[in-house]
Amino acid sequence: GTNCYVIVDKQDGSAVIIDPGYNDVNFIKTLKEQNIKPK
């Protein structure tokens, strides 16, 4: 249950990911659904 934090720019969806601790399909799916663009 590691906390992964994603700080998202509300204007363009660009983001910073802190500690992506696991290869989680639902996590990746959520990023895409919310149009979050990790940089």
PDB file of all heavy atoms in Angstrom:
ATOM      1  N   GLY A   1       0.797  -1.223   0.000  1.00  0.00           N
ATOM      2  CA  GLY A   1       0.000   0.000   0.000  1.00  0.00           C
ATOM      3  C   GLY A   1       0.826   1.268   0.000  1.00  0.00           C
ATOM      4  O   GLY A   1       0.533   2.230   0.716  1.00  0.00           O
ATOM      5  N   THR A   2       1.845   1.300  -0.844  1.00  0.00           N
ATOM      6  CA  THR A   2       2.722   2.469  -0.914  1.00  0.00           C
ATOM      7  C   THR A   2       1.977   3.662  -1.497  1.00  0.00           C
ATOM      8  O   THR A   2       1.290   3.547  -2.510  1.00  0.00           O
ATOM      9  CB  THR A   2       3.946   2.164  -1.782  1.00  0.00           C
ATOM     10  OG1 THR A   2       4.630   1.031  -1.251  1.00  0.00           O
ATOM     11  CG2 THR A   2       4.893   3.354  -1.808  1.00  0.00           C
ATOM     12  N   ASN A   3       2.119   4.798  -0.871  1.00  0.00           N
ATOM     13  CA  ASN A   3       1.494   6.016  -1.372  1.00  0.00           C
ATOM     14  C   ASN A   3       2.280   6.556  -2.564  1.00  0.00           C
ATOM     15  O   ASN A   3       3.456   6.888  -2.442  1.00  0.00           O
ATOM     16  CB  ASN A   3       1.441   7.091  -0.287  1.00  0.00           C
ATOM     17  CG  ASN A   3       0.479   6.738   0.829  1.00  0.00           C
ATOM     18  OD1 ASN A   3      -0.485   6.004   0.636  1.00  0.00           O
ATOM     19  ND2 ASN A   3       0.741   7.260   2.015  1.00  0.00           N
ATOM     20  N   CYS A   4       1.606   6.634  -3.686  1.00  0.00           N
ATOM     21  CA  CYS A   4       2.149   7.277  -4.872  1.00  0.00           C
ATOM     22  C   CYS A   4       1.406   8.588  -5.048  1.00  0.00           C
ATOM     23  O   CYS A   4       0.169   8.613  -5.060  1.00  0.00           O
ATOM     24  CB  CYS A   4       1.961   6.373  -6.088  1.00  0.00           C
ATOM     25  SG  CYS A   4       2.356   7.163  -7.666  1.00  0.00           S
ATOM     26  N   TYR A   5       2.137   9.669  -5.182  1.00  0.00           N
ATOM     27  CA  TYR A   5       1.523  10.991  -5.326  1.00  0.00           C
ATOM     28  C   TYR A   5       1.736  11.517  -6.738  1.00  0.00           C
ATOM     29  O   TYR A   5       2.827  11.383  -7.300  1.00  0.00           O
ATOM     30  CB  TYR A   5       2.124  11.965  -4.315  1.00  0.00           C
ATOM     31  CG  TYR A   5       1.909  11.547  -2.884  1.00  0.00           C
ATOM     32  CD1 TYR A   5       2.940  10.956  -2.157  1.00  0.00           C
ATOM     33  CD2 TYR A   5       0.684  11.729  -2.258  1.00  0.00           C
ATOM     34  CE1 TYR A   5       2.747  10.557  -0.832  1.00  0.00           C
ATOM     35  CE2 TYR A   5       0.480  11.341  -0.936  1.00  0.00           C
ATOM     36  CZ  TYR A   5       1.516  10.753  -0.236  1.00  0.00           C
ATOM     37  OH  TYR A   5       1.319  10.357   1.067  1.00  0.00           O
ATOM     38  N   VAL A   6       0.683  12.122  -7.278  1.00  0.00           N
ATOM     39  CA  VAL A   6       0.753  12.729  -8.599  1.00  0.00           C
ATOM     40  C   VAL A   6       0.311  14.184  -8.473  1.00  0.00           C
ATOM     41  O   VAL A   6      -0.824  14.464  -8.079  1.00  0.00           O
ATOM     42  CB  VAL A   6      -0.139  11.985  -9.610  1.00  0.00           C
ATOM     43  CG1 VAL A   6       0.022  12.594 -11.004  1.00  0.00           C
ATOM     44  CG2 VAL A   6       0.196  10.493  -9.634  1.00  0.00           C
ATOM     45  N   ILE A   7       1.220  15.100  -8.762  1.00  0.00           N
ATOM     46  CA  ILE A   7       0.922  16.533  -8.704  1.00  0.00           C
ATOM     47  C   ILE A   7       0.612  16.987 -10.121  1.00  0.00           C
ATOM     48  O   ILE A   7       1.468  16.913 -11.005  1.00  0.00           O
ATOM     49  CB  ILE A   7       2.108  17.331  -8.114  1.00  0.00           C
ATOM     50  CG1 ILE A   7       2.397  16.855  -6.689  1.00  0.00           C
ATOM     51  CG2 ILE A   7       1.798  18.820  -8.114  1.00  0.00           C
ATOM     52  CD1 ILE A   7       3.404  15.740  -6.586  1.00  0.00           C
ATOM     53  N   VAL A   8      -0.601  17.453 -10.333  1.00  0.00           N
ATOM     54  CA  VAL A   8      -1.113  17.714 -11.676  1.00  0.00           C
ATOM     55  C   VAL A   8      -1.369  19.198 -11.886  1.00  0.00           C
ATOM     56  O   VAL A   8      -2.031  19.853 -11.062  1.00  0.00           O
ATOM     57  CB  VAL A   8      -2.426  16.939 -11.923  1.00  0.00           C
ATOM     58  CG1 VAL A   8      -2.871  17.095 -13.370  1.00  0.00           C
ATOM     59  CG2 VAL A   8      -2.271  15.461 -11.559  1.00  0.00           C
ATOM     60  N   ASP A   9      -0.867  19.714 -12.986  1.00  0.00           N
ATOM     61  CA  ASP A   9      -1.193  21.074 -13.407  1.00  0.00           C
ATOM     62  C   ASP A   9      -2.626  21.073 -13.935  1.00  0.00           C
ATOM     63  O   ASP A   9      -2.940  20.376 -14.898  1.00  0.00           O
ATOM     64  CB  ASP A   9      -0.224  21.533 -14.491  1.00  0.00           C
ATOM     65  CG  ASP A   9      -0.426  22.980 -14.881  1.00  0.00           C
ATOM     66  OD1 ASP A   9      -1.562  23.354 -15.231  1.00  0.00           O
ATOM     67  OD2 ASP A   9       0.556  23.745 -14.875  1.00  0.00           O
ATOM     68  N   LYS A  10      -3.503  21.834 -13.304  1.00  0.00           N
ATOM     69  CA  LYS A  10      -4.918  21.835 -13.679  1.00  0.00           C
ATOM     70  C   LYS A  10      -5.149  22.348 -15.090  1.00  0.00           C
ATOM     71  O   LYS A  10      -6.138  21.982 -15.731  1.00  0.00           O
ATOM     72  CB  LYS A  10      -5.721  22.688 -12.692  1.00  0.00           C
ATOM     73  CG  LYS A  10      -5.811  22.120 -11.289  1.00  0.00           C
ATOM     74  CD  LYS A  10      -6.640  23.038 -10.402  1.00  0.00           C
ATOM     75  CE  LYS A  10      -6.759  22.501  -8.987  1.00  0.00           C
ATOM     76  NZ  LYS A  10      -7.547  23.411  -8.118  1.00  0.00           N
ATOM     77  N   GLN A  11      -4.254  23.192 -15.568  1.00  0.00           N
ATOM     78  CA  GLN A  11      -4.472  23.813 -16.868  1.00  0.00           C
ATOM     79  C   GLN A  11      -4.200  22.862 -18.030  1.00  0.00           C
ATOM     80  O   GLN A  11      -5.003  22.778 -18.967  1.00  0.00           O
ATOM     81  CB  GLN A  11      -3.597  25.060 -17.002  1.00  0.00           C
ATOM     82  CG  GLN A  11      -3.859  25.848 -18.276  1.00  0.00           C
ATOM     83  CD  GLN A  11      -3.124  27.171 -18.285  1.00  0.00           C
ATOM     84  OE1 GLN A  11      -2.353  27.480 -17.394  1.00  0.00           O
ATOM     85  NE2 GLN A  11      -3.362  27.970 -19.315  1.00  0.00           N
ATOM     86  N   ASP A  12      -3.088  22.143 -17.984  1.00  0.00           N
ATOM     87  CA  ASP A  12      -2.737  21.321 -19.150  1.00  0.00           C
ATOM     88  C   ASP A  12      -2.568  19.828 -18.834  1.00  0.00           C
ATOM     89  O   ASP A  12      -2.289  19.034 -19.734  1.00  0.00           O
ATOM     90  CB  ASP A  12      -1.475  21.843 -19.829  1.00  0.00           C
ATOM     91  CG  ASP A  12      -0.238  21.794 -18.936  1.00  0.00           C
ATOM     92  OD1 ASP A  12      -0.308  21.173 -17.849  1.00  0.00           O
ATOM     93  OD2 ASP A  12       0.791  22.362 -19.327  1.00  0.00           O
ATOM     94  N   GLY A  13      -2.745  19.448 -17.568  1.00  0.00           N
ATOM     95  CA  GLY A  13      -2.679  18.031 -17.215  1.00  0.00           C
ATOM     96  C   GLY A  13      -1.274  17.479 -17.050  1.00  0.00           C
ATOM     97  O   GLY A  13      -1.116  16.283 -16.742  1.00  0.00           O
ATOM     98  N   SER A  14      -0.241  18.286 -17.262  1.00  0.00           N
ATOM     99  CA  SER A  14       1.122  17.797 -17.059  1.00  0.00           C
ATOM    100  C   SER A  14       1.322  17.497 -15.578  1.00  0.00           C
ATOM    101  O   SER A  14       0.701  18.122 -14.710  1.00  0.00           O
ATOM    102  CB  SER A  14       2.149  18.817 -17.552  1.00  0.00           C
ATOM    103  OG  SER A  14       1.999  20.047 -16.872  1.00  0.00           O
ATOM    104  N   ALA A  15       2.187  16.515 -15.289  1.00  0.00           N
ATOM    105  CA  ALA A  15       2.239  16.035 -13.909  1.00  0.00           C
ATOM    106  C   ALA A  15       3.614  15.517 -13.518  1.00  0.00           C
ATOM    107  O   ALA A  15       4.435  15.130 -14.358  1.00  0.00           O
ATOM    108  CB  ALA A  15       1.197  14.933 -13.711  1.00  0.00           C
ATOM    109  N   VAL A  16       3.825  15.490 -12.206  1.00  0.00           N
ATOM    110  CA  VAL A  16       4.994  14.875 -11.586  1.00  0.00           C
ATOM    111  C   VAL A  16       4.505  13.687 -10.765  1.00  0.00           C
ATOM    112  O   VAL A  16       3.546  13.804  -9.990  1.00  0.00           O
ATOM    113  CB  VAL A  16       5.732  15.864 -10.662  1.00  0.00           C
ATOM    114  CG1 VAL A  16       6.865  15.172  -9.918  1.00  0.00           C
ATOM    115  CG2 VAL A  16       6.259  17.042 -11.463  1.00  0.00           C
ATOM    116  N   ILE A  17       5.157  12.543 -10.940  1.00  0.00           N
ATOM    117  CA  ILE A  17       4.820  11.358 -10.152  1.00  0.00           C
ATOM    118  C   ILE A  17       5.899  11.145  -9.098  1.00  0.00           C
ATOM    119  O   ILE A  17       7.090  11.158  -9.405  1.00  0.00           O
ATOM    120  CB  ILE A  17       4.727  10.099 -11.040  1.00  0.00           C
ATOM    121  CG1 ILE A  17       3.607  10.259 -12.071  1.00  0.00           C
ATOM    122  CG2 ILE A  17       4.489   8.860 -10.186  1.00  0.00           C
ATOM    123  CD1 ILE A  17       3.504   9.088 -13.039  1.00  0.00           C
ATOM    124  N   ILE A  18       5.471  10.950  -7.863  1.00  0.00           N
ATOM    125  CA  ILE A  18       6.398  10.657  -6.779  1.00  0.00           C
ATOM    126  C   ILE A  18       6.177   9.222  -6.310  1.00  0.00           C
ATOM    127  O   ILE A  18       5.083   8.853  -5.897  1.00  0.00           O
ATOM    128  CB  ILE A  18       6.210  11.634  -5.600  1.00  0.00           C
ATOM    129  CG1 ILE A  18       6.505  13.072  -6.049  1.00  0.00           C
ATOM    130  CG2 ILE A  18       7.122  11.248  -4.433  1.00  0.00           C
ATOM    131  CD1 ILE A  18       6.282  14.113  -4.971  1.00  0.00           C
ATOM    132  N   ASP A  19       7.199   8.400  -6.411  1.00  0.00           N
ATOM    133  CA  ASP A  19       7.214   7.020  -5.923  1.00  0.00           C
ATOM    134  C   ASP A  19       6.144   6.113  -6.547  1.00  0.00           C
ATOM    135  O   ASP A  19       5.224   5.663  -5.868  1.00  0.00           O
ATOM    136  CB  ASP A  19       7.083   6.992  -4.398  1.00  0.00           C
ATOM    137  CG  ASP A  19       8.312   7.510  -3.684  1.00  0.00           C
ATOM    138  OD1 ASP A  19       9.329   7.750  -4.354  1.00  0.00           O
ATOM    139  OD2 ASP A  19       8.256   7.673  -2.454  1.00  0.00           O
ATOM    140  N   PRO A  20       6.270   5.801  -7.837  1.00  0.00           N
ATOM    141  CA  PRO A  20       5.364   4.832  -8.455  1.00  0.00           C
ATOM    142  C   PRO A  20       5.770   3.407  -8.036  1.00  0.00           C
ATOM    143  O   PRO A  20       6.586   2.765  -8.670  1.00  0.00           O
ATOM    144  CB  PRO A  20       5.583   5.052  -9.951  1.00  0.00           C
ATOM    145  CG  PRO A  20       7.015   5.513 -10.046  1.00  0.00           C
ATOM    146  CD  PRO A  20       7.269   6.313  -8.785  1.00  0.00           C
ATOM    147  N   GLY A  21       5.179   2.928  -6.963  1.00  0.00           N
ATOM    148  CA  GLY A  21       5.694   1.746  -6.302  1.00  0.00           C
ATOM    149  C   GLY A  21       5.319   0.398  -6.885  1.00  0.00           C
ATOM    150  O   GLY A  21       5.855  -0.624  -6.463  1.00  0.00           O
ATOM    151  N   TYR A  22       4.406   0.387  -7.857  1.00  0.00           N
ATOM    152  CA  TYR A  22       3.932  -0.916  -8.332  1.00  0.00           C
ATOM    153  C   TYR A  22       3.379  -0.774  -9.743  1.00  0.00           C
ATOM    154  O   TYR A  22       2.817   0.262 -10.099  1.00  0.00           O
ATOM    155  CB  TYR A  22       2.838  -1.436  -7.390  1.00  0.00           C
ATOM    156  CG  TYR A  22       2.458  -2.876  -7.588  1.00  0.00           C
ATOM    157  CD1 TYR A  22       3.333  -3.908  -7.257  1.00  0.00           C
ATOM    158  CD2 TYR A  22       1.208  -3.216  -8.095  1.00  0.00           C
ATOM    159  CE1 TYR A  22       2.973  -5.247  -7.428  1.00  0.00           C
ATOM    160  CE2 TYR A  22       0.833  -4.547  -8.264  1.00  0.00           C
ATOM    161  CZ  TYR A  22       1.724  -5.553  -7.927  1.00  0.00           C
ATOM    162  OH  TYR A  22       1.370  -6.874  -8.096  1.00  0.00           O
ATOM    163  N   ASN A  23       3.545  -1.840 -10.518  1.00  0.00           N
ATOM    164  CA  ASN A  23       3.007  -1.881 -11.880  1.00  0.00           C
ATOM    165  C   ASN A  23       1.512  -2.161 -11.811  1.00  0.00           C
ATOM    166  O   ASN A  23       1.066  -3.301 -11.902  1.00  0.00           O
ATOM    167  CB  ASN A  23       3.728  -2.964 -12.683  1.00  0.00           C
ATOM    168  CG  ASN A  23       3.265  -3.020 -14.133  1.00  0.00           C
ATOM    169  OD1 ASN A  23       2.450  -2.213 -14.570  1.00  0.00           O
ATOM    170  ND2 ASN A  23       3.777  -3.977 -14.873  1.00  0.00           N
ATOM    171  N   ASP A  24       0.741  -1.118 -11.618  1.00  0.00           N
ATOM    172  CA  ASP A  24      -0.690  -1.227 -11.365  1.00  0.00           C
ATOM    173  C   ASP A  24      -1.482  -0.793 -12.598  1.00  0.00           C
ATOM    174  O   ASP A  24      -1.430   0.372 -13.009  1.00  0.00           O
ATOM    175  CB  ASP A  24      -1.061  -0.359 -10.162  1.00  0.00           C
ATOM    176  CG  ASP A  24      -2.485  -0.559  -9.699  1.00  0.00           C
ATOM    177  OD1 ASP A  24      -3.402  -0.199 -10.451  1.00  0.00           O
ATOM    178  OD2 ASP A  24      -2.676  -1.077  -8.584  1.00  0.00           O
ATOM    179  N   VAL A  25      -2.220  -1.720 -13.176  1.00  0.00           N
ATOM    180  CA  VAL A  25      -2.979  -1.449 -14.400  1.00  0.00           C
ATOM    181  C   VAL A  25      -4.017  -0.356 -14.174  1.00  0.00           C
ATOM    182  O   VAL A  25      -4.205   0.531 -15.012  1.00  0.00           O
ATOM    183  CB  VAL A  25      -3.659  -2.740 -14.910  1.00  0.00           C
ATOM    184  CG1 VAL A  25      -4.553  -2.423 -16.098  1.00  0.00           C
ATOM    185  CG2 VAL A  25      -2.615  -3.776 -15.285  1.00  0.00           C
ATOM    186  N   ASN A  26      -4.689  -0.393 -13.037  1.00  0.00           N
ATOM    187  CA  ASN A  26      -5.728   0.600 -12.756  1.00  0.00           C
ATOM    188  C   ASN A  26      -5.141   1.993 -12.581  1.00  0.00           C
ATOM    189  O   ASN A  26      -5.781   2.992 -12.938  1.00  0.00           O
ATOM    190  CB  ASN A  26      -6.512   0.200 -11.506  1.00  0.00           C
ATOM    191  CG  ASN A  26      -7.387  -1.011 -11.739  1.00  0.00           C
ATOM    192  OD1 ASN A  26      -7.908  -1.221 -12.837  1.00  0.00           O
ATOM    193  ND2 ASN A  26      -7.552  -1.823 -10.708  1.00  0.00           N
ATOM    194  N   PHE A  27      -3.942   2.062 -12.040  1.00  0.00           N
ATOM    195  CA  PHE A  27      -3.259   3.342 -11.892  1.00  0.00           C
ATOM    196  C   PHE A  27      -2.997   3.963 -13.259  1.00  0.00           C
ATOM    197  O   PHE A  27      -3.327   5.137 -13.505  1.00  0.00           O
ATOM    198  CB  PHE A  27      -1.951   3.142 -11.126  1.00  0.00           C
ATOM    199  CG  PHE A  27      -1.039   4.340 -11.084  1.00  0.00           C
ATOM    200  CD1 PHE A  27      -1.500   5.574 -10.655  1.00  0.00           C
ATOM    201  CD2 PHE A  27       0.295   4.226 -11.451  1.00  0.00           C
ATOM    202  CE1 PHE A  27      -0.650   6.672 -10.610  1.00  0.00           C
ATOM    203  CE2 PHE A  27       1.145   5.308 -11.402  1.00  0.00           C
ATOM    204  CZ  PHE A  27       0.676   6.535 -10.982  1.00  0.00           C
ATOM    205  N   ILE A  28      -2.432   3.186 -14.159  1.00  0.00           N
ATOM    206  CA  ILE A  28      -2.144   3.673 -15.512  1.00  0.00           C
ATOM    207  C   ILE A  28      -3.442   4.048 -16.229  1.00  0.00           C
ATOM    208  O   ILE A  28      -3.517   5.082 -16.907  1.00  0.00           O
ATOM    209  CB  ILE A  28      -1.381   2.613 -16.318  1.00  0.00           C
ATOM    210  CG1 ILE A  28      -0.089   2.210 -15.600  1.00  0.00           C
ATOM    211  CG2 ILE A  28      -1.073   3.130 -17.712  1.00  0.00           C
ATOM    212  CD1 ILE A  28       0.859   3.332 -15.338  1.00  0.00           C
ATOM    213  N   LYS A  29      -4.467   3.241 -16.043  1.00  0.00           N
ATOM    214  CA  LYS A  29      -5.756   3.503 -16.674  1.00  0.00           C
ATOM    215  C   LYS A  29      -6.341   4.826 -16.191  1.00  0.00           C
ATOM    216  O   LYS A  29      -6.862   5.615 -16.978  1.00  0.00           O
ATOM    217  CB  LYS A  29      -6.720   2.358 -16.373  1.00  0.00           C
ATOM    218  CG  LYS A  29      -8.098   2.524 -16.981  1.00  0.00           C
ATOM    219  CD  LYS A  29      -8.996   1.345 -16.619  1.00  0.00           C
ATOM    220  CE  LYS A  29     -10.398   1.524 -17.199  1.00  0.00           C
ATOM    221  NZ  LYS A  29     -11.292   0.402 -16.818  1.00  0.00           N
ATOM    222  N   THR A  30      -6.228   5.080 -14.887  1.00  0.00           N
ATOM    223  CA  THR A  30      -6.758   6.319 -14.318  1.00  0.00           C
ATOM    224  C   THR A  30      -6.036   7.537 -14.865  1.00  0.00           C
ATOM    225  O   THR A  30      -6.657   8.565 -15.169  1.00  0.00           O
ATOM    226  CB  THR A  30      -6.654   6.291 -12.785  1.00  0.00           C
ATOM    227  OG1 THR A  30      -7.422   5.196 -12.277  1.00  0.00           O
ATOM    228  CG2 THR A  30      -7.179   7.585 -12.174  1.00  0.00           C
ATOM    229  N   LEU A  31      -4.727   7.451 -14.987  1.00  0.00           N
ATOM    230  CA  LEU A  31      -3.961   8.560 -15.552  1.00  0.00           C
ATOM    231  C   LEU A  31      -4.458   8.901 -16.959  1.00  0.00           C
ATOM    232  O   LEU A  31      -4.640  10.076 -17.309  1.00  0.00           O
ATOM    233  CB  LEU A  31      -2.473   8.224 -15.590  1.00  0.00           C
ATOM    234  CG  LEU A  31      -1.747   8.033 -14.254  1.00  0.00           C
ATOM    235  CD1 LEU A  31      -0.271   7.739 -14.500  1.00  0.00           C
ATOM    236  CD2 LEU A  31      -1.899   9.250 -13.360  1.00  0.00           C
ATOM    237  N   LYS A  32      -4.693   7.863 -17.750  1.00  0.00           N
ATOM    238  CA  LYS A  32      -5.164   8.080 -19.127  1.00  0.00           C
ATOM    239  C   LYS A  32      -6.577   8.639 -19.145  1.00  0.00           C
ATOM    240  O   LYS A  32      -6.872   9.558 -19.919  1.00  0.00           O
ATOM    241  CB  LYS A  32      -5.086   6.768 -19.897  1.00  0.00           C
ATOM    242  CG  LYS A  32      -3.663   6.294 -20.157  1.00  0.00           C
ATOM    243  CD  LYS A  32      -3.650   4.997 -20.951  1.00  0.00           C
ATOM    244  CE  LYS A  32      -2.216   4.543 -21.229  1.00  0.00           C
ATOM    245  NZ  LYS A  32      -2.181   3.257 -21.985  1.00  0.00           N
ATOM    246  N   GLU A  33      -7.442   8.103 -18.314  1.00  0.00           N
ATOM    247  CA  GLU A  33      -8.835   8.557 -18.286  1.00  0.00           C
ATOM    248  C   GLU A  33      -8.940  10.014 -17.854  1.00  0.00           C
ATOM    249  O   GLU A  33      -9.826  10.747 -18.323  1.00  0.00           O
ATOM    250  CB  GLU A  33      -9.649   7.674 -17.348  1.00  0.00           C
ATOM    251  CG  GLU A  33      -9.889   6.266 -17.887  1.00  0.00           C
ATOM    252  CD  GLU A  33     -10.636   5.393 -16.905  1.00  0.00           C
ATOM    253  OE1 GLU A  33     -10.739   5.767 -15.713  1.00  0.00           O
ATOM    254  OE2 GLU A  33     -11.126   4.327 -17.320  1.00  0.00           O
ATOM    255  N   GLN A  34      -8.053  10.443 -16.956  1.00  0.00           N
ATOM    256  CA  GLN A  34      -8.090  11.819 -16.476  1.00  0.00           C
ATOM    257  C   GLN A  34      -7.202  12.751 -17.308  1.00  0.00           C
ATOM    258  O   GLN A  34      -7.033  13.920 -16.964  1.00  0.00           O
ATOM    259  CB  GLN A  34      -7.666  11.870 -15.003  1.00  0.00           C
ATOM    260  CG  GLN A  34      -8.616  11.138 -14.073  1.00  0.00           C
ATOM    261  CD  GLN A  34      -8.264  11.343 -12.612  1.00  0.00           C
ATOM    262  OE1 GLN A  34      -7.457  12.203 -12.251  1.00  0.00           O
ATOM    263  NE2 GLN A  34      -8.874  10.564 -11.746  1.00  0.00           N
ATOM    264  N   ASN A  35      -6.656  12.199 -18.391  1.00  0.00           N
ATOM    265  CA  ASN A  35      -5.800  12.978 -19.295  1.00  0.00           C
ATOM    266  C   ASN A  35      -4.619  13.608 -18.570  1.00  0.00           C
ATOM    267  O   ASN A  35      -4.226  14.745 -18.827  1.00  0.00           O
ATOM    268  CB  ASN A  35      -6.623  14.066 -20.009  1.00  0.00           C
ATOM    269  CG  ASN A  35      -5.945  14.566 -21.268  1.00  0.00           C
ATOM    270  OD1 ASN A  35      -5.200  13.827 -21.931  1.00  0.00           O
ATOM    271  ND2 ASN A  35      -6.174  15.819 -21.608  1.00  0.00           N
ATOM    272  N   ILE A  36      -4.065  12.820 -17.630  1.00  0.00           N
ATOM    273  CA  ILE A  36      -2.879  13.253 -16.898  1.00  0.00           C
ATOM    274  C   ILE A  36      -1.646  12.858 -17.700  1.00  0.00           C
ATOM    275  O   ILE A  36      -1.514  11.716 -18.127  1.00  0.00           O
ATOM    276  CB  ILE A  36      -2.840  12.621 -15.494  1.00  0.00           C
ATOM    277  CG1 ILE A  36      -4.017  13.145 -14.661  1.00  0.00           C
ATOM    278  CG2 ILE A  36      -1.514  12.918 -14.801  1.00  0.00           C
ATOM    279  CD1 ILE A  36      -4.170  12.465 -13.317  1.00  0.00           C
ATOM    280  N   LYS A  37      -0.745  13.805 -17.882  1.00  0.00           N
ATOM    281  CA  LYS A  37       0.437  13.592 -18.718  1.00  0.00           C
ATOM    282  C   LYS A  37       1.709  13.684 -17.858  1.00  0.00           C
ATOM    283  O   LYS A  37       2.252  14.774 -17.658  1.00  0.00           O
ATOM    284  CB  LYS A  37       0.485  14.634 -19.828  1.00  0.00           C
ATOM    285  CG  LYS A  37      -0.811  14.759 -20.641  1.00  0.00           C
ATOM    286  CD  LYS A  37      -0.697  15.876 -21.655  1.00  0.00           C
ATOM    287  CE  LYS A  37      -2.003  16.135 -22.373  1.00  0.00           C
ATOM    288  NZ  LYS A  37      -3.047  16.702 -21.445  1.00  0.00           N
ATOM    289  N   PRO A  38       2.192  12.564 -17.346  1.00  0.00           N
ATOM    290  CA  PRO A  38       3.406  12.583 -16.514  1.00  0.00           C
ATOM    291  C   PRO A  38       4.617  13.085 -17.300  1.00  0.00           C
ATOM    292  O   PRO A  38       4.835  12.710 -18.450  1.00  0.00           O
ATOM    293  CB  PRO A  38       3.591  11.113 -16.120  1.00  0.00           C
ATOM    294  CG  PRO A  38       2.245  10.491 -16.302  1.00  0.00           C
ATOM    295  CD  PRO A  38       1.633  11.205 -17.463  1.00  0.00           C
ATOM    296  N   LYS A  39       5.396  13.949 -16.659  1.00  0.00           N
ATOM    297  CA  LYS A  39       6.587  14.516 -17.292  1.00  0.00           C
ATOM    298  C   LYS A  39       7.882  14.073 -16.623  1.00  0.00           C
ATOM    299  O   LYS A  39       8.949  14.126 -17.238  1.00  0.00           O
ATOM    300  CB  LYS A  39       6.504  16.051 -17.254  1.00  0.00           C
ATOM    301  CG  LYS A  39       5.302  16.630 -17.994  1.00  0.00           C
ATOM    302  CD  LYS A  39       5.321  16.253 -19.466  1.00  0.00           C
ATOM    303  CE  LYS A  39       4.126  16.870 -20.201  1.00  0.00           C
ATOM    304  NZ  LYS A  39       4.105  16.472 -21.634  1.00  0.00           N
TER     305      LYS A  39
END
